[in-house]
Amino acid sequence: MMLSSLSSSSSSAHQAKPCGMASTPLSSSSPFRPDALAGKIAVVTGGGSGICFEITKQLLLHGCIASIICGRREDFLQKASAELASTSGKICLYKVCDVRDETACKAVVDYAISQFGKVDILVNGAAGNFLAEAKSLTPRGFKTVMDIDAQGTFNMSHAVYPAMITSGSGGAIINISMTLHYGATWYQAHASAAKSAIDSLTRSLALEWGCDKIRVNGIAPGPIANTPGTTKLAPGLTSDDVEEMIAERVPMGRLGTAFDIGMAAVFLACDASGSYISGDTLVVDGAEWLYKPPMVPREMVAELSRKVEAKSRALRPETMASKL
């Protein structure tokens, strides 16, 4: 069923308003035009919750005709697709999919083609993570995260490639990564390895698929408030405790928001703003990964500087004994 004949009676389709009605206004803080992504079709894995739910929302609010969200839990997807359609006034479908299964990934793309005739944007956001010391992390646990994150990203990208080149206009692939592997992160050997693989895949696909007009980029979010990922990695703490603890190591002094990541996705997906950007991973973390505790408390810096300056002046050349 192509877009022009799509019926809202489909069990996985939601269209909140007739075509002639205006959709929900954009947030006043959005720097993009509401038609920045006009006419585009998006597929978002992991779109049933968290960051990727917001990414899907912003893609729809900024002009996408429709989206398909994917995940393993149909109850989450059904609820999320209805909410996204209601918020945006656009069509939002869902498709149950385990990205570790290449056949399931191909089925998602086939479904998108049957409904809309094309796929312009793919967001690879499906992920798995948990805290575990490397010594107690089982090989199966390590493999599970690698398969969902890295293998899943490849499976979906590989599945969508034929559709993007057939359209003749290419497309944009956005891979959700993290900054865990930029240095090293405690109890995250599995996720760090998976995200490192995703970043490498982003560069490789950008290199190979650029001639097909396919741009491949990544987004590396920092700590994001009110998302399952943040709370999962701080068990036993309240959301306020988590926010206070994390904000202390973010130079900008706050956690990020899902909206921040949504705006990054719109930027990379938009032909006007991202047409010559490919092979890059955009870090959106308030400089958190660069953080180091100050060697000296800030309030002591001025006093220490004065002491160093005084000592330096005391060691004028005429007062220093020659060593020759």
Protein backbone atom coordinates (compact mmCIF):
# COMPACT_ATOMS: atom_id res chain seq x y z
CA MET A 1 0.00 0.00 0.00
CA MET A 2 1.58 3.26 -1.11
CA LEU A 3 1.40 6.50 0.87
CA SER A 4 -1.40 7.98 -1.22
CA SER A 5 -3.70 5.09 -0.44
CA LEU A 6 -2.62 4.36 3.13
CA SER A 7 -5.59 3.67 5.36
CA SER A 8 -5.66 4.75 8.96
CA SER A 9 -7.53 1.56 9.77
CA SER A 10 -4.28 -0.41 9.67
CA SER A 11 -3.56 -1.89 13.09
CA SER A 12 -0.10 -0.33 13.15
CA ALA A 13 -0.93 3.04 11.58
CA HIS A 14 -1.95 6.22 13.35
CA GLN A 15 -2.89 9.49 11.67
CA ALA A 16 -4.13 12.01 14.18
CA LYS A 17 -5.46 14.76 11.91
CA PRO A 18 -6.80 15.14 8.35
CA CYS A 19 -4.25 16.32 5.80
CA GLY A 20 -5.65 19.84 5.69
CA MET A 21 -5.17 20.57 9.39
CA ALA A 22 -2.05 22.16 10.84
CA SER A 23 0.19 19.94 12.92
CA THR A 24 1.35 20.75 16.43
CA PRO A 25 3.58 23.89 16.35
CA LEU A 26 7.30 23.43 16.72
CA SER A 27 8.99 24.31 19.96
CA SER A 28 10.11 27.93 19.85
CA SER A 29 13.62 26.73 20.65
CA SER A 30 13.96 24.78 17.40
CA PRO A 31 16.36 26.53 15.01
CA PHE A 32 14.99 24.65 11.99
CA ARG A 33 12.14 25.36 9.61
CA PRO A 34 9.09 23.11 10.04
CA ASP A 35 9.56 21.90 6.45
CA ALA A 36 13.28 21.15 6.79
CA LEU A 37 12.65 17.47 6.06
CA ALA A 38 9.62 17.91 3.81
CA GLY A 39 8.56 14.81 1.91
CA LYS A 40 10.96 12.42 3.63
CA ILE A 41 10.28 8.99 5.11
CA ALA A 42 12.17 7.88 8.23
CA VAL A 43 12.82 4.51 9.84
CA VAL A 44 14.00 4.62 13.47
CA THR A 45 15.11 1.55 15.40
CA GLY A 46 14.63 1.82 19.14
CA GLY A 47 12.02 4.51 18.49
CA GLY A 48 9.58 3.25 21.08
CA SER A 49 11.23 5.05 23.99
CA GLY A 50 13.97 7.36 25.21
CA ILE A 51 16.20 9.33 22.89
CA CYS A 52 14.99 7.66 19.71
CA PHE A 53 11.36 8.42 20.55
CA GLU A 54 12.29 12.10 20.66
CA ILE A 55 14.32 11.80 17.47
CA THR A 56 11.30 10.33 15.70
CA LYS A 57 9.11 13.10 17.08
CA GLN A 58 11.41 15.84 15.84
CA LEU A 59 11.80 14.26 12.40
CA LEU A 60 8.02 14.27 12.05
CA LEU A 61 7.63 17.80 13.41
CA HIS A 62 10.22 19.04 10.94
CA GLY A 63 8.53 17.81 7.81
CA CYS A 64 8.83 14.05 7.43
CA ILE A 65 5.68 12.67 5.84
CA ALA A 66 5.77 9.56 7.99
CA SER A 67 7.95 7.32 10.11
CA ILE A 68 8.26 3.70 11.07
CA ILE A 69 9.56 2.87 14.53
CA CYS A 70 11.02 -0.54 15.32
CA GLY A 71 11.73 -2.54 18.44
CA ARG A 72 11.13 -5.87 20.13
CA ARG A 73 8.14 -4.98 22.34
CA GLU A 74 4.92 -4.49 20.46
CA ASP A 75 3.10 -2.92 23.43
CA PHE A 76 5.73 -0.16 23.66
CA LEU A 77 5.69 0.40 19.91
CA GLN A 78 1.92 0.56 19.67
CA LYS A 79 1.66 3.14 22.43
CA ALA A 80 4.60 5.16 21.12
CA SER A 81 3.35 5.26 17.53
CA ALA A 82 -0.05 6.50 18.67
CA GLU A 83 1.55 9.23 20.78
CA LEU A 84 3.91 10.29 18.01
CA ALA A 85 1.07 10.52 15.51
CA SER A 86 -1.04 12.53 17.94
CA THR A 87 1.80 14.93 18.73
CA SER A 88 2.93 15.50 15.16
CA GLY A 89 -0.25 15.07 13.15
CA LYS A 90 1.72 12.77 10.84
CA ILE A 91 1.60 9.07 10.05
CA CYS A 92 3.58 6.82 12.37
CA LEU A 93 3.71 3.08 11.82
CA TYR A 94 5.49 0.45 13.85
CA LYS A 95 7.10 -2.86 13.05
CA VAL A 96 8.30 -5.42 15.58
CA CYS A 97 11.93 -6.18 14.83
CA ASP A 98 14.98 -7.65 16.54
CA VAL A 99 17.86 -5.93 14.76
CA ARG A 100 20.08 -8.94 15.44
CA ASP A 101 18.01 -10.80 12.85
CA GLU A 102 18.95 -9.70 9.33
CA THR A 103 15.72 -11.16 7.93
CA ALA A 104 13.68 -9.05 10.34
CA CYS A 105 15.64 -5.95 9.32
CA LYS A 106 14.94 -6.59 5.66
CA ALA A 107 11.26 -7.04 6.52
CA VAL A 108 11.19 -3.55 8.06
CA VAL A 109 12.59 -1.99 4.90
CA ASP A 110 10.22 -4.02 2.72
CA TYR A 111 7.33 -2.81 4.87
CA ALA A 112 8.44 0.80 4.47
CA ILE A 113 8.67 0.40 0.70
CA SER A 114 5.23 -1.22 0.55
CA GLN A 115 3.69 1.68 2.48
CA PHE A 116 5.63 4.69 1.21
CA GLY A 117 7.73 3.60 -1.76
CA LYS A 118 11.03 4.78 -0.29
CA VAL A 119 13.22 5.32 2.77
CA ASP A 120 15.12 8.60 3.04
CA ILE A 121 16.34 8.51 6.63
CA LEU A 122 17.49 5.60 8.80
CA VAL A 123 18.29 6.12 12.48
CA ASN A 124 20.05 3.15 14.09
CA GLY A 125 19.23 3.59 17.76
CA ALA A 126 18.47 0.10 19.07
CA ALA A 127 20.88 -0.65 21.91
CA GLY A 128 21.46 -2.77 24.98
CA ASN A 129 23.52 -1.92 28.05
CA PHE A 130 24.04 -2.69 31.72
CA LEU A 131 26.75 -2.29 34.35
CA ALA A 132 29.18 -5.19 34.66
CA GLU A 133 32.79 -5.70 35.72
CA ALA A 134 34.76 -7.24 32.90
CA LYS A 135 35.81 -10.17 35.11
CA SER A 136 32.20 -11.11 35.78
CA LEU A 137 30.80 -10.23 32.36
CA THR A 138 29.92 -13.45 30.56
CA PRO A 139 30.91 -13.96 26.93
CA ARG A 140 27.21 -14.30 26.18
CA GLY A 141 26.49 -10.93 27.80
CA PHE A 142 29.30 -9.30 25.83
CA LYS A 143 28.05 -10.85 22.59
CA THR A 144 24.47 -9.75 23.23
CA VAL A 145 25.43 -6.08 23.43
CA MET A 146 27.75 -6.36 20.43
CA ASP A 147 25.00 -8.03 18.41
CA ILE A 148 22.30 -5.50 19.25
CA ASP A 149 24.44 -2.39 18.89
CA ALA A 150 27.09 -3.12 16.27
CA GLN A 151 25.64 -6.05 14.32
CA GLY A 152 22.19 -4.47 14.45
CA THR A 153 23.50 -1.21 13.04
CA PHE A 154 25.13 -3.07 10.17
CA ASN A 155 22.06 -5.24 9.54
CA MET A 156 19.70 -2.28 9.21
CA SER A 157 22.14 -0.23 7.13
CA HIS A 158 22.76 -3.18 4.84
CA ALA A 159 19.02 -3.75 4.48
CA VAL A 160 18.21 -0.13 3.62
CA TYR A 161 21.06 0.38 1.14
CA PRO A 162 19.24 -1.07 -1.92
CA ALA A 163 16.18 1.08 -1.22
CA MET A 164 18.25 4.24 -0.94
CA ILE A 165 20.17 3.69 -4.17
CA THR A 166 17.03 2.65 -6.06
CA SER A 167 15.40 5.99 -5.25
CA GLY A 168 18.21 7.80 -7.03
CA SER A 169 18.35 10.48 -4.35
CA GLY A 170 20.37 8.55 -1.78
CA GLY A 171 19.62 9.13 1.87
CA ALA A 172 20.92 9.81 5.36
CA ILE A 173 21.90 7.17 7.92
CA ILE A 174 22.40 8.27 11.52
CA ASN A 175 24.00 5.86 13.98
CA ILE A 176 23.54 6.47 17.70
CA SER A 177 26.83 5.99 19.53
CA MET A 178 28.34 7.14 22.86
CA THR A 179 31.61 8.54 24.16
CA LEU A 180 32.41 5.59 26.44
CA HIS A 181 35.35 4.44 24.33
CA TYR A 182 36.99 7.83 23.84
CA GLY A 183 38.97 7.13 26.98
CA ALA A 184 37.79 4.26 29.14
CA THR A 185 34.66 3.87 31.24
CA TRP A 186 34.27 1.73 34.32
CA TYR A 187 32.11 -1.40 33.97
CA GLN A 188 31.34 -0.71 30.31
CA ALA A 189 33.77 -2.93 28.38
CA HIS A 190 30.92 -4.45 26.37
CA ALA A 191 29.18 -1.18 25.45
CA SER A 192 32.48 0.59 24.80
CA ALA A 193 33.51 -2.10 22.32
CA ALA A 194 30.12 -1.98 20.61
CA LYS A 195 30.06 1.80 20.25
CA SER A 196 33.63 1.86 19.01
CA ALA A 197 32.59 -0.61 16.32
CA ILE A 198 29.64 1.61 15.38
CA ASP A 199 31.89 4.66 14.99
CA SER A 200 34.24 2.68 12.76
CA LEU A 201 31.30 1.39 10.72
CA THR A 202 30.01 4.94 10.32
CA ARG A 203 33.29 6.01 8.73
CA SER A 204 33.57 2.92 6.53
CA LEU A 205 30.03 3.17 5.16
CA ALA A 206 30.44 6.91 4.56
CA LEU A 207 33.55 6.14 2.53
CA GLU A 208 31.98 3.35 0.47
CA TRP A 209 28.47 4.72 0.00
CA GLY A 210 29.20 8.38 -0.59
CA CYS A 211 29.22 7.82 -4.35
CA ASP A 212 25.61 6.60 -4.01
CA LYS A 213 24.55 9.89 -2.39
CA ILE A 214 24.19 8.21 1.00
CA ARG A 215 25.51 10.21 3.92
CA VAL A 216 26.41 8.24 7.05
CA ASN A 217 26.97 10.02 10.36
CA GLY A 218 26.71 9.34 14.06
CA ILE A 219 25.52 11.08 17.20
CA ALA A 220 27.28 10.44 20.51
CA PRO A 221 24.95 11.63 23.29
CA GLY A 222 26.22 12.42 26.74
CA PRO A 223 24.15 11.85 29.89
CA ILE A 224 20.54 12.61 29.00
CA ALA A 225 17.94 13.39 31.66
CA ASN A 226 14.83 11.26 32.09
CA THR A 227 15.86 8.45 29.78
CA PRO A 228 15.97 4.70 30.48
CA GLY A 229 19.67 4.59 29.66
CA THR A 230 20.63 7.08 32.36
CA THR A 231 18.50 5.52 35.11
CA LYS A 232 19.58 1.99 34.20
CA LEU A 233 23.23 2.88 34.76
CA ALA A 234 22.54 4.37 38.20
CA PRO A 235 20.36 1.77 39.95
CA GLY A 236 19.02 2.60 43.39
CA LEU A 237 19.28 6.37 42.96
CA THR A 238 16.46 8.82 42.42
CA SER A 239 16.39 10.82 39.20
CA ASP A 240 17.32 13.95 41.17
CA ASP A 241 20.31 12.17 42.71
CA VAL A 242 21.45 10.98 39.31
CA GLU A 243 21.10 14.43 37.79
CA GLU A 244 23.08 16.08 40.59
CA MET A 245 25.81 13.43 40.50
CA ILE A 246 26.29 13.60 36.75
CA ALA A 247 25.96 17.38 36.41
CA GLU A 248 29.04 17.78 38.61
CA ARG A 249 31.21 16.31 35.86
CA VAL A 250 29.60 18.09 32.92
CA PRO A 251 31.40 21.38 32.19
CA MET A 252 28.11 22.94 31.08
CA GLY A 253 26.66 22.07 34.48
CA ARG A 254 23.58 20.13 33.39
CA LEU A 255 22.38 16.93 31.85
CA GLY A 256 21.37 16.97 28.23
CA THR A 257 17.80 16.57 27.09
CA ALA A 258 16.29 14.26 24.51
CA PHE A 259 15.39 17.43 22.61
CA ASP A 260 19.11 18.22 22.27
CA ILE A 261 19.63 14.90 20.52
CA GLY A 262 16.53 15.36 18.40
CA MET A 263 17.90 18.65 17.11
CA ALA A 264 21.22 16.99 16.27
CA ALA A 265 19.36 14.34 14.27
CA VAL A 266 17.38 16.94 12.33
CA PHE A 267 20.62 18.79 11.57
CA LEU A 268 22.30 15.68 10.17
CA ALA A 269 19.22 14.45 8.31
CA CYS A 270 18.50 17.79 6.64
CA ASP A 271 19.92 18.25 3.13
CA ALA A 272 20.27 22.00 3.67
CA SER A 273 22.40 21.77 6.80
CA GLY A 274 24.12 18.40 6.43
CA SER A 275 24.53 17.89 2.69
CA TYR A 276 28.34 17.86 2.86
CA ILE A 277 28.70 16.15 6.23
CA SER A 278 29.45 12.44 6.16
CA GLY A 279 31.62 10.05 8.14
CA ASP A 280 31.50 12.16 11.28
CA THR A 281 30.16 11.47 14.76
CA LEU A 282 28.65 14.53 16.39
CA VAL A 283 29.27 14.60 20.15
CA VAL A 284 26.36 16.13 22.06
CA ASP A 285 27.42 15.89 25.69
CA GLY A 286 28.13 19.36 27.10
CA ALA A 287 31.87 18.48 26.97
CA GLU A 288 31.31 15.73 29.55
CA TRP A 289 33.80 13.32 28.00
CA LEU A 290 36.53 15.98 28.26
CA TYR A 291 35.97 16.49 31.97
CA LYS A 292 38.85 16.21 34.42
CA PRO A 293 38.73 17.28 38.08
CA PRO A 294 40.60 20.59 38.46
CA MET A 295 44.13 20.20 39.84
CA VAL A 296 43.51 23.26 41.99
CA PRO A 297 40.17 24.52 43.30
CA ARG A 298 39.00 27.47 41.20
CA GLU A 299 38.92 29.84 44.15
CA MET A 300 42.64 29.20 44.82
CA VAL A 301 43.88 29.89 41.29
CA ALA A 302 44.20 33.68 41.64
CA GLU A 303 46.10 33.43 44.94
CA LEU A 304 48.49 30.81 43.56
CA SER A 305 49.10 32.92 40.46
CA ARG A 306 50.08 35.88 42.62
CA LYS A 307 52.53 33.75 44.60
CA VAL A 308 54.10 32.33 41.44
CA GLU A 309 54.43 35.82 39.97
CA ALA A 310 56.06 37.14 43.14
CA LYS A 311 58.53 34.25 43.18
CA SER A 312 59.34 34.79 39.51
CA ARG A 313 60.08 38.47 40.06
CA ALA A 314 62.35 37.63 42.98
CA LEU A 315 64.48 35.55 40.66
CA ARG A 316 65.62 38.44 38.47
CA PRO A 317 68.72 37.70 36.34
CA GLU A 318 70.95 39.97 38.42
CA THR A 319 70.08 38.06 41.58
CA MET A 320 70.77 34.65 40.09
CA ALA A 321 74.28 33.24 40.43
CA SER A 322 75.93 32.26 37.17
CA LYS A 323 76.39 28.55 36.61
CA LEU A 324 79.08 29.08 33.99
